[in-house]
Protein backbone atom coordinates (compact mmCIF):
# COMPACT_ATOMS: atom_id res chain seq x y z
CA MET A 1 18.59 -12.43 2.11
CA ASN A 2 15.88 -15.04 2.36
CA LYS A 3 14.73 -15.95 5.82
CA LYS A 4 16.36 -18.90 7.49
CA GLY A 5 13.39 -19.19 9.77
CA SER A 6 10.50 -17.14 11.06
CA SER A 7 9.37 -15.79 14.38
CA LYS A 8 5.81 -16.68 13.37
CA PRO A 9 4.40 -20.21 13.31
CA GLU A 10 4.37 -21.93 9.93
CA PRO A 11 1.43 -24.05 8.83
CA ALA A 12 1.74 -27.79 8.96
CA GLY A 13 2.86 -29.45 5.75
CA GLU A 14 4.45 -27.93 2.70
CA LYS A 15 3.44 -24.53 1.45
CA ALA A 16 1.81 -24.25 -1.91
CA PRO A 17 4.41 -23.28 -4.48
CA ALA A 18 4.47 -19.79 -5.87
CA ARG A 19 1.54 -17.52 -5.30
CA ALA A 20 1.11 -17.74 -9.07
CA GLN A 21 -1.56 -20.25 -8.03
CA ALA A 22 -3.76 -17.29 -7.17
CA THR A 23 -3.83 -15.96 -10.70
CA ALA A 24 -3.05 -19.09 -12.69
CA ASN A 25 -5.47 -20.00 -15.44
CA ILE A 26 -8.07 -22.45 -14.16
CA GLY A 27 -9.60 -23.36 -17.49
CA PHE A 28 -12.70 -21.28 -17.90
CA GLU A 29 -11.81 -17.65 -17.13
CA LYS A 30 -11.40 -16.53 -20.73
CA GLN A 31 -14.48 -18.45 -21.83
CA LEU A 32 -16.47 -16.80 -19.06
CA TRP A 33 -15.03 -13.37 -19.88
CA ASN A 34 -15.87 -13.74 -23.57
CA ALA A 35 -19.40 -14.85 -22.75
CA ALA A 36 -19.90 -12.02 -20.30
CA ASN A 37 -18.42 -9.59 -22.80
CA VAL A 38 -21.38 -10.02 -25.12
CA LEU A 39 -23.48 -8.24 -22.50
CA ARG A 40 -21.52 -5.03 -22.79
CA GLY A 41 -23.37 -3.37 -25.64
CA ASN A 42 -24.17 0.11 -24.43
CA LEU A 43 -23.78 -0.74 -20.75
CA ASP A 44 -21.65 1.60 -18.69
CA ALA A 45 -18.48 -0.18 -17.59
CA ALA A 46 -19.25 0.15 -13.88
CA ARG A 47 -22.79 -1.19 -14.48
CA TYR A 48 -21.45 -4.12 -16.48
CA LYS A 49 -19.04 -4.98 -13.70
CA ASP A 50 -21.88 -5.04 -11.18
CA VAL A 51 -23.92 -7.37 -13.39
CA VAL A 52 -21.22 -10.00 -13.88
CA LEU A 53 -19.64 -10.03 -10.44
CA GLY A 54 -23.07 -9.96 -8.80
CA LEU A 55 -24.02 -13.16 -10.62
CA ILE A 56 -20.77 -14.87 -9.66
CA PHE A 57 -21.37 -13.88 -6.05
CA LEU A 58 -24.91 -15.23 -6.19
CA LYS A 59 -23.65 -18.56 -7.53
CA TYR A 60 -21.10 -18.77 -4.75
CA VAL A 61 -23.51 -18.20 -1.85
CA SER A 62 -25.94 -20.68 -3.36
CA ASP A 63 -23.27 -23.37 -3.86
CA ALA A 64 -22.03 -22.95 -0.30
CA PHE A 65 -25.61 -23.10 0.99
CA GLU A 66 -26.37 -26.33 -0.88
CA GLU A 67 -23.19 -27.98 0.45
CA ARG A 68 -24.11 -27.09 4.00
CA ARG A 69 -27.67 -28.25 3.39
CA LYS A 70 -26.46 -31.70 2.25
CA GLN A 71 -24.49 -32.04 5.46
CA LEU A 72 -27.47 -31.03 7.58
CA GLU A 73 -29.70 -33.58 5.84
CA LEU A 74 -27.26 -36.31 6.94
CA GLU A 75 -27.43 -35.00 10.50
CA ARG A 76 -31.25 -34.81 10.80
CA GLU A 77 -31.36 -37.78 13.18
CA ASP A 78 -28.96 -35.92 15.47
CA GLY A 79 -31.28 -32.92 15.63
CA ALA A 80 -29.99 -30.82 12.74
CA ASP A 81 -32.62 -28.67 11.01
CA PRO A 82 -31.85 -27.91 7.34
CA GLU A 83 -34.65 -25.30 7.31
CA HIS A 84 -33.28 -23.13 10.12
CA PRO A 85 -31.09 -20.16 9.10
CA ASP A 86 -28.96 -20.43 12.26
CA GLU A 87 -27.68 -23.81 11.06
CA TYR A 88 -26.03 -21.93 8.21
CA LEU A 89 -25.13 -18.54 9.64
CA GLY A 90 -23.36 -20.17 12.59
CA TRP A 91 -21.05 -21.91 10.11
CA GLY A 92 -20.25 -18.78 8.15
CA VAL A 93 -22.65 -19.72 5.33
CA PHE A 94 -25.27 -17.27 4.08
CA TRP A 95 -28.90 -18.39 4.30
CA VAL A 96 -30.47 -18.61 0.83
CA ALA A 97 -34.25 -18.80 0.48
CA GLN A 98 -35.72 -21.31 -2.00
CA GLU A 99 -36.60 -18.61 -4.53
CA ALA A 100 -33.06 -17.19 -4.47
CA ARG A 101 -31.18 -20.45 -5.00
CA TRP A 102 -29.15 -20.84 -8.15
CA SER A 103 -31.01 -24.00 -9.15
CA ASN A 104 -34.16 -21.90 -9.48
CA LEU A 105 -32.38 -19.28 -11.60
CA ALA A 106 -30.73 -21.90 -13.80
CA ALA A 107 -34.07 -23.61 -14.42
CA ASN A 108 -35.48 -20.27 -15.59
CA ALA A 109 -32.44 -19.02 -17.52
CA ASN A 110 -34.40 -18.91 -20.78
CA SER A 111 -37.32 -17.07 -19.23
CA PRO A 112 -37.93 -13.51 -20.49
CA ASN A 113 -38.19 -12.41 -16.85
CA ILE A 114 -34.87 -13.90 -15.72
CA GLY A 115 -33.74 -10.41 -14.68
CA GLN A 116 -36.69 -10.03 -12.34
CA LEU A 117 -35.88 -13.37 -10.74
CA ILE A 118 -32.27 -12.33 -10.16
CA ASP A 119 -33.30 -8.99 -8.63
CA ARG A 120 -35.71 -10.87 -6.36
CA ALA A 121 -32.92 -13.26 -5.35
CA MET A 122 -30.67 -10.34 -4.42
CA ASP A 123 -33.47 -8.83 -2.31
CA LEU A 124 -34.08 -12.08 -0.45
CA ILE A 125 -30.41 -12.73 0.30
CA GLU A 126 -29.90 -9.23 1.67
CA ARG A 127 -33.06 -9.49 3.76
CA GLU A 128 -31.93 -12.73 5.42
CA ASN A 129 -28.27 -11.76 5.82
CA PRO A 130 -27.90 -8.33 7.46
CA THR A 131 -24.14 -8.10 6.82
CA LEU A 132 -24.88 -7.94 3.08
CA ARG A 133 -27.52 -5.24 3.18
CA GLY A 134 -26.85 -2.52 0.65
CA SER A 135 -24.02 -4.51 -0.95
CA LEU A 136 -25.62 -6.49 -3.78
CA PRO A 137 -26.38 -5.04 -7.22
CA ARG A 138 -29.85 -4.70 -8.74
CA GLY A 139 -31.29 -3.72 -12.09
CA TYR A 140 -31.02 -7.09 -13.83
CA SER A 141 -34.53 -6.55 -15.21
CA SER A 142 -33.74 -3.15 -16.72
CA GLN A 143 -34.41 -2.52 -20.40
CA GLU A 144 -30.73 -1.80 -21.11
CA LEU A 145 -29.83 -5.39 -20.25
CA ASP A 146 -30.53 -8.00 -22.96
CA GLN A 147 -32.48 -10.71 -21.11
CA ARG A 148 -31.63 -13.45 -23.60
CA ARG A 149 -27.91 -12.85 -23.25
CA LEU A 150 -28.29 -12.53 -19.49
CA GLY A 151 -29.88 -15.99 -19.47
CA GLN A 152 -26.97 -17.35 -21.51
CA LEU A 153 -24.56 -16.00 -18.91
CA VAL A 154 -26.57 -17.64 -16.11
CA THR A 155 -26.36 -20.96 -17.96
CA LEU A 156 -22.61 -20.68 -18.42
CA ILE A 157 -22.01 -19.75 -14.76
CA SER A 158 -24.18 -22.74 -13.78
CA ASN A 159 -21.41 -25.05 -15.01
CA ILE A 160 -18.77 -23.53 -12.74
CA PRO A 161 -18.59 -24.82 -9.15
CA VAL A 162 -17.45 -21.96 -6.94
CA GLY A 163 -18.90 -22.68 -3.51
CA THR A 164 -18.21 -26.40 -3.07
CA PRO A 165 -15.54 -27.52 -0.55
CA GLU A 166 -13.18 -28.44 -3.41
CA ALA A 167 -13.71 -25.08 -5.10
CA ARG A 168 -13.16 -23.22 -1.84
CA ASP A 169 -9.96 -25.17 -1.20
CA ARG A 170 -8.68 -24.10 -4.61
CA ASP A 171 -10.06 -20.57 -4.09
CA ILE A 172 -11.72 -20.80 -7.50
CA LEU A 173 -14.08 -17.95 -6.75
CA GLY A 174 -11.27 -15.73 -5.53
CA ARG A 175 -9.29 -16.49 -8.64
CA VAL A 176 -12.28 -15.79 -10.89
CA TYR A 177 -12.79 -12.50 -9.06
CA GLU A 178 -9.14 -11.55 -9.46
CA TYR A 179 -9.22 -12.45 -13.14
CA PHE A 180 -12.37 -10.43 -13.73
CA LEU A 181 -11.19 -7.43 -11.73
CA GLY A 182 -7.99 -7.39 -13.77
CA GLN A 183 -9.91 -7.72 -17.03
CA PHE A 184 -12.31 -4.95 -16.04
CA ALA A 185 -9.41 -2.71 -15.10
CA SER A 186 -7.77 -3.36 -18.47
CA ALA A 187 -11.03 -2.85 -20.37
CA GLU A 188 -11.95 0.33 -18.52
CA GLY A 189 -8.53 1.94 -18.84
CA ARG A 190 -7.82 4.75 -16.39
CA LYS A 191 -11.18 4.38 -14.66
CA GLY A 192 -10.34 0.83 -13.64
CA GLY A 193 -7.74 2.10 -11.19
CA GLU A 194 -10.55 3.19 -8.91
CA PHE A 195 -11.12 -0.36 -7.78
CA TYR A 196 -8.15 -2.56 -8.67
CA THR A 197 -4.46 -2.78 -7.77
CA PRO A 198 -2.51 -5.57 -9.53
CA THR A 199 -2.18 -8.59 -7.24
CA CYS A 200 1.62 -8.72 -7.49
CA VAL A 201 1.92 -5.11 -6.27
CA VAL A 202 -0.40 -5.78 -3.34
CA ARG A 203 1.53 -8.91 -2.52
CA VAL A 204 4.84 -7.03 -2.38
CA LEU A 205 3.37 -4.61 0.16
CA VAL A 206 1.83 -7.38 2.26
CA GLN A 207 5.00 -9.48 2.24
CA MET A 208 7.04 -6.45 3.27
CA ILE A 209 4.96 -5.15 6.18
CA GLU A 210 3.61 -8.58 7.29
CA PRO A 211 0.14 -7.80 8.71
CA PHE A 212 0.03 -10.79 11.03
CA ARG A 213 -1.86 -9.51 14.06
CA GLY A 214 -3.51 -6.13 14.67
CA ARG A 215 -5.73 -3.54 13.01
CA VAL A 216 -5.45 -3.24 9.21
CA TYR A 217 -6.60 -0.07 7.46
CA ASP A 218 -6.89 1.00 3.82
CA PRO A 219 -8.10 4.59 3.33
CA CYS A 220 -8.83 4.08 -0.38
CA CYS A 221 -9.67 0.37 -0.41
CA GLY A 222 -11.12 -0.09 -3.91
CA SER A 223 -12.35 -3.67 -4.26
CA GLY A 224 -10.55 -4.80 -1.09
CA GLY A 225 -7.50 -6.46 -2.63
CA MET A 226 -5.19 -5.32 0.19
CA PHE A 227 -7.41 -7.11 2.71
CA VAL A 228 -7.61 -10.28 0.63
CA GLN A 229 -3.81 -10.53 0.44
CA SER A 230 -3.52 -9.79 4.17
CA LYS A 231 -5.84 -12.71 4.88
CA ARG A 232 -3.75 -14.95 2.62
CA PHE A 233 -0.56 -13.92 4.39
CA ILE A 234 -2.03 -14.79 7.78
CA GLU A 235 -3.28 -18.17 6.56
CA GLU A 236 0.08 -18.99 4.95
CA HIS A 237 1.80 -18.35 8.27
CA GLY A 238 -0.61 -20.35 10.41
CA GLY A 239 -2.28 -17.34 12.02
CA ASN A 240 -5.90 -16.55 12.81
CA THR A 241 -7.70 -14.08 10.55
CA ARG A 242 -9.85 -13.07 13.51
CA ASP A 243 -6.73 -11.40 14.90
CA ILE A 244 -6.97 -8.58 12.34
CA PRO A 245 -9.88 -6.15 12.57
CA ILE A 246 -10.23 -4.54 9.14
CA TYR A 247 -11.19 -0.96 8.30
CA GLY A 248 -11.57 0.55 4.85
CA GLN A 249 -12.94 3.64 3.18
CA GLU A 250 -13.79 4.19 -0.48
CA LEU A 251 -15.31 7.15 -2.32
CA ASN A 252 -17.28 5.38 -5.06
CA SER A 253 -20.51 3.71 -3.89
CA THR A 254 -20.40 1.06 -6.63
CA THR A 255 -16.85 0.16 -5.62
CA VAL A 256 -17.90 -0.07 -1.96
CA ARG A 257 -20.47 -2.71 -2.92
CA LEU A 258 -17.84 -4.51 -4.95
CA ALA A 259 -15.45 -4.52 -1.98
CA ARG A 260 -18.11 -5.87 0.37
CA MET A 261 -18.92 -8.70 -2.04
CA ASN A 262 -15.24 -9.45 -2.67
CA LEU A 263 -14.58 -9.73 1.07
CA ALA A 264 -17.80 -11.57 1.90
CA ILE A 265 -17.00 -14.44 -0.48
CA ARG A 266 -13.78 -14.99 1.45
CA GLY A 267 -15.36 -14.80 4.87
CA ILE A 268 -13.62 -11.50 5.71
CA ASN A 269 -15.62 -9.38 8.14
CA ALA A 270 -14.62 -5.81 7.38
CA ASN A 271 -15.86 -2.36 8.31
CA ILE A 272 -16.05 -0.64 4.91
CA GLU A 273 -17.33 2.94 4.84
CA GLN A 274 -18.14 5.22 1.92
CA GLY A 275 -16.89 8.77 1.70
CA ASP A 276 -14.13 11.14 0.63
CA THR A 277 -11.26 10.11 2.92
CA LEU A 278 -9.36 13.40 2.71
CA HIS A 279 -12.48 15.49 3.46
CA ASN A 280 -14.63 13.12 5.51
CA ASP A 281 -12.42 10.69 7.40
CA ARG A 282 -14.83 8.02 8.62
CA PHE A 283 -12.31 6.64 11.13
CA PRO A 284 -10.93 9.83 12.71
CA HIS A 285 -9.76 8.11 15.90
CA LEU A 286 -8.39 4.91 14.37
CA LYS A 287 -4.76 4.07 15.05
CA ALA A 288 -3.87 1.11 12.85
CA ASP A 289 -1.07 -1.40 13.27
CA TYR A 290 -0.85 -1.78 9.50
CA VAL A 291 -1.92 0.56 6.70
CA LEU A 292 -1.97 -0.58 3.08
CA ALA A 293 -2.99 1.87 0.37
CA ASN A 294 -2.91 2.66 -3.32
CA PRO A 295 -4.25 6.24 -3.47
CA PRO A 296 -5.10 7.95 -6.77
CA PHE A 297 -1.85 9.15 -8.34
CA ASN A 298 -1.17 12.91 -8.47
CA MET A 299 -4.77 13.88 -7.70
CA LYS A 300 -5.31 17.53 -8.63
CA ALA A 301 -7.75 20.11 -7.21
CA TRP A 302 -8.54 17.86 -4.25
CA GLY A 303 -9.81 20.72 -2.09
CA ALA A 304 -6.87 21.53 0.17
CA ALA A 305 -8.35 24.88 1.27
CA ALA A 306 -11.38 23.21 2.84
CA VAL A 307 -9.17 21.19 5.20
CA SER A 308 -6.25 23.59 5.56
CA ASN A 309 -6.30 23.45 9.37
CA ASP A 310 -6.63 19.67 9.65
CA ARG A 311 -4.52 18.09 12.37
CA ARG A 312 -3.33 15.42 9.93
CA TRP A 313 -0.98 17.86 8.18
CA GLN A 314 1.75 17.67 10.82
CA TYR A 315 4.50 18.11 8.22
CA GLY A 316 2.85 20.88 6.23
CA LEU A 317 -0.24 21.69 4.16
CA PRO A 318 -0.20 19.61 0.94
CA PRO A 319 -0.58 21.64 -2.28
CA ASP A 320 -3.97 21.63 -3.95
CA ASN A 321 -2.48 20.60 -7.31
CA ASN A 322 -1.27 17.24 -5.96
CA ALA A 323 -2.70 15.13 -3.12
CA ASN A 324 0.23 12.69 -2.81
CA PHE A 325 1.46 14.19 0.44
CA ALA A 326 -2.07 14.53 1.78
CA TRP A 327 -2.37 10.75 1.49
CA LEU A 328 1.06 10.13 3.01
CA GLN A 329 0.34 12.37 6.00
CA HIS A 330 -3.14 10.90 6.43
CA ILE A 331 -1.53 7.45 6.66
CA VAL A 332 1.18 8.52 9.12
CA PHE A 333 -1.53 10.13 11.26
CA HIS A 334 -3.44 6.85 11.42
CA LEU A 335 -0.46 4.67 12.36
CA ALA A 336 -0.41 3.26 15.87
CA PRO A 337 2.75 3.94 17.94
CA MET A 338 4.33 0.77 16.54
CA GLY A 339 2.45 0.88 13.23
CA VAL A 340 3.82 0.23 9.74
CA GLY A 341 2.35 1.46 6.46
CA GLY A 342 2.87 0.55 2.81
CA VAL A 343 1.77 3.01 0.13
CA VAL A 344 1.80 2.91 -3.69
CA LEU A 345 2.48 6.34 -5.19
CA ALA A 346 3.69 7.96 -8.39
CA ASN A 347 7.46 8.35 -8.66
CA GLY A 348 7.03 12.12 -8.66
CA SER A 349 6.44 11.95 -4.90
CA LEU A 350 10.12 11.00 -4.48
CA SER A 351 11.56 14.13 -6.08
CA ALA A 352 8.90 16.85 -6.33
CA GLY A 353 10.17 20.19 -5.04
CA ARG A 354 8.78 23.26 -3.33
CA GLN A 355 5.85 22.55 -0.99
CA GLU A 356 5.98 18.78 -1.49
CA GLY A 357 9.75 18.72 -1.13
CA GLU A 358 9.55 20.51 2.21
CA ILE A 359 6.98 18.01 3.51
CA ARG A 360 9.13 15.11 2.33
CA LYS A 361 12.16 16.63 4.08
CA ARG A 362 10.25 16.92 7.35
CA MET A 363 9.02 13.34 7.10
CA VAL A 364 12.58 12.10 6.60
CA GLN A 365 13.85 14.21 9.48
CA ASP A 366 11.06 12.86 11.69
CA ASN A 367 12.26 9.32 10.93
CA VAL A 368 8.99 7.92 9.56
CA VAL A 369 10.35 6.93 6.12
CA ASP A 370 11.72 3.39 6.42
CA CYS A 371 12.12 2.09 2.86
CA ILE A 372 11.52 3.19 -0.74
CA VAL A 373 11.04 0.73 -3.63
CA ALA A 374 11.15 1.78 -7.29
CA LEU A 375 8.78 -0.47 -9.27
CA PRO A 376 9.12 -1.61 -12.90
CA ASP A 377 6.92 -0.10 -15.57
CA LYS A 378 3.77 -1.65 -17.09
CA LEU A 379 2.53 -3.16 -13.81
CA PHE A 380 -0.70 -1.16 -13.81
CA TYR A 381 -3.63 -1.51 -16.17
CA THR A 382 -4.68 2.07 -15.65
CA THR A 383 -1.62 4.29 -15.95
CA GLN A 384 1.82 4.46 -17.51
CA ILE A 385 3.06 6.77 -14.72
CA PRO A 386 6.11 5.19 -13.02
CA ALA A 387 5.27 4.07 -9.50
CA CYS A 388 7.04 3.38 -6.23
CA LEU A 389 6.35 2.02 -2.75
CA TRP A 390 6.75 4.03 0.43
CA ILE A 391 7.21 1.96 3.60
CA LEU A 392 6.48 4.10 6.65
CA ALA A 393 7.19 3.20 10.28
CA ARG A 394 5.96 5.20 13.24
CA ASN A 395 8.77 4.10 15.56
CA ARG A 396 11.95 2.77 13.98
CA LYS A 397 13.66 1.97 17.28
CA ASN A 398 10.73 0.14 18.86
CA GLY A 399 12.56 -3.00 19.97
CA ARG A 400 10.86 -5.38 17.54
CA PHE A 401 13.68 -4.85 15.06
CA ARG A 402 17.00 -3.05 15.11
CA ASN A 403 17.25 0.73 15.46
CA ARG A 404 17.06 2.18 11.92
CA THR A 405 16.53 5.84 12.78
CA GLU A 406 19.54 7.20 10.92
CA GLU A 407 19.10 5.38 7.62
CA ILE A 408 16.66 4.51 4.83
CA LEU A 409 16.65 1.38 2.68
CA PHE A 410 16.43 1.98 -1.06
CA ILE A 411 15.44 -0.86 -3.42
CA ASP A 412 15.53 -0.51 -7.20
CA ALA A 413 13.24 -3.14 -8.73
CA ARG A 414 12.79 -1.40 -12.09
CA GLN A 415 14.44 -4.24 -14.02
CA MET A 416 12.26 -6.92 -12.46
CA GLY A 417 9.07 -8.54 -13.76
CA ARG A 418 8.03 -10.61 -16.74
CA MET A 419 5.74 -9.53 -19.57
CA VAL A 420 2.39 -11.34 -19.47
CA ASP A 421 1.21 -9.66 -22.66
CA ARG A 422 2.41 -6.80 -24.85
CA ARG A 423 1.33 -4.12 -22.41
CA HIS A 424 1.46 -5.64 -18.94
CA ARG A 425 4.17 -6.90 -16.64
CA GLU A 426 3.98 -8.98 -13.44
CA LEU A 427 6.48 -9.47 -10.65
CA THR A 428 7.23 -13.15 -10.10
CA GLU A 429 6.96 -14.79 -6.71
CA GLU A 430 10.74 -15.10 -6.54
CA GLU A 431 11.11 -11.37 -7.20
CA ILE A 432 8.47 -10.50 -4.61
CA GLN A 433 10.33 -12.56 -2.03
CA LYS A 434 13.65 -10.96 -3.01
CA ILE A 435 12.28 -7.47 -2.41
CA ALA A 436 10.58 -8.41 0.86
CA GLY A 437 13.60 -10.44 1.98
CA ALA A 438 15.95 -7.49 1.52
CA TYR A 439 13.68 -5.33 3.67
CA HIS A 440 13.30 -7.97 6.38
CA SER A 441 17.05 -8.52 6.57
CA TRP A 442 17.76 -4.78 6.64
CA ARG A 443 15.38 -4.09 9.52
CA GLY A 444 16.91 -7.02 11.41
CA GLU A 445 13.93 -9.34 11.54
CA LYS A 446 14.48 -12.48 13.57
CA GLY A 447 15.54 -15.48 11.49
CA THR A 448 16.88 -13.51 8.52
CA GLU A 449 20.39 -13.51 7.11
CA PRO A 450 22.56 -10.45 7.80
CA TYR A 451 21.76 -7.59 5.45
CA GLN A 452 24.19 -6.66 2.68
CA ASP A 453 23.96 -3.92 0.05
CA ILE A 454 23.60 -5.34 -3.48
CA PRO A 455 24.96 -2.99 -6.17
CA GLY A 456 22.20 -1.97 -8.54
CA PHE A 457 19.45 -3.47 -6.37
CA CYS A 458 19.48 -2.27 -2.75
CA ARG A 459 21.41 0.02 -0.49
CA SER A 460 21.06 1.39 3.03
CA ALA A 461 21.75 5.13 2.94
CA SER A 462 22.28 7.44 5.90
CA LEU A 463 19.98 10.38 6.51
CA GLU A 464 23.07 12.56 6.15
CA GLU A 465 23.49 11.31 2.58
CA VAL A 466 19.78 11.80 1.89
CA ALA A 467 20.14 15.39 3.12
CA ARG A 468 23.08 15.93 0.75
CA ASN A 469 20.73 14.81 -2.05
CA ASN A 470 18.21 17.50 -1.04
CA TYR A 471 15.92 14.81 0.39
CA VAL A 472 15.21 13.34 -3.03
CA LEU A 473 14.30 9.69 -2.42
CA THR A 474 14.68 8.19 -5.90
CA PRO A 475 16.35 4.76 -5.33
CA GLY A 476 18.48 5.05 -8.46
CA ARG A 477 20.48 7.83 -6.77
CA TYR A 478 21.56 5.51 -4.00
CA VAL A 479 21.90 1.94 -5.32
CA THR A 480 24.09 2.57 -8.36
CA LEU A 481 27.56 1.01 -8.55
CA ARG A 482 29.42 4.23 -7.76
CA HIS A 483 28.02 4.14 -4.22
CA CYS A 484 29.19 0.63 -3.43
């Protein structure tokens, strides 16, 4: 079911093999993690994360600044001014004042006031670059942070080029960020799920819904991983990232800062707002072409009574003991007329009865459920709850693809993935493409091979059959051999 071609332009030259490049070991991640780990002590996990990722961000903006400065020095005779901020900002490079440059911090790494110098650097960078205001961490001079060990971390980071042209080409900073976010999620346990979704899961969603041009929205955006993968998809297919306005909302203020830094290092201009999405929707009028989301699983006591009359609940009021169908309805509400959404949820959303079952039934009958994917276990650092993907489509007979209004595609990927350690599994690039390819073929995307059911893996089921199964959407009910 792989594509024979594509309706979108492909970039010149050969594609990089396997997206494993994005998470492949680049030589110093574990060394950096071990060095940073000595800082932990009594630091709160969220505080520790701010400290480390803030330093890596600072190194990046300084490296990129120095590279641009070298170029401007060579162009002085042509009128270039290395001391003018516009010569940097106009090229997508943050202006970094002398006092905030990494060379100054590295030279003072052994100083007892290294924390004060870092805090001052953060202040200066935010002051000169309005898009970063309120995004960078502070408190490097606090008593809870060992200044000697902080200086050691500065020295170690000094040896890692992250903002040079070569480093940007290899996306070293992005890969360091991904590595650290994954490590933090693993180290923090359940709490880590507030900001991180495993890259392979995000990539499945992005490859399935293909956010190539239009508004992209994530109502619980964490550290911004959905947006990062959307940008990669566009670049891989020769598109222009300026074609996708980005909107995100996140409850935790620390995570909002993390998302803004994570996106800024990749040149992604996003509108990220803080707030409780279900109670204070910061984009009430947004209709998105693509929605990507990994909401908190099975969130209890989320305050349904306070929003009982909300216009988003077109299929029924979600129960207060589980917010899964609040998130699903919120996402359907925000889809544009031709919009597509991809959502990660607990498997319980596929079969829960009573109030949730009635909402699920109405969603199926309204033809907004396009595809369901059962995921393998051990993909997430933060939970052992089995998970699935919901692919939602606002109009399934819109002319872009074939009319799919009387059927749903079920994909059972529970046997996929490879163990990367004793507790964690990853989907391979080949498996990601197999899942996405089945969906693309089924919906009749241009350039794909004709769709065929594959016993034990995928099957297109009629809504009549789904109704006979009491609107339970568990893929295993539909893809087993007895159906084929």
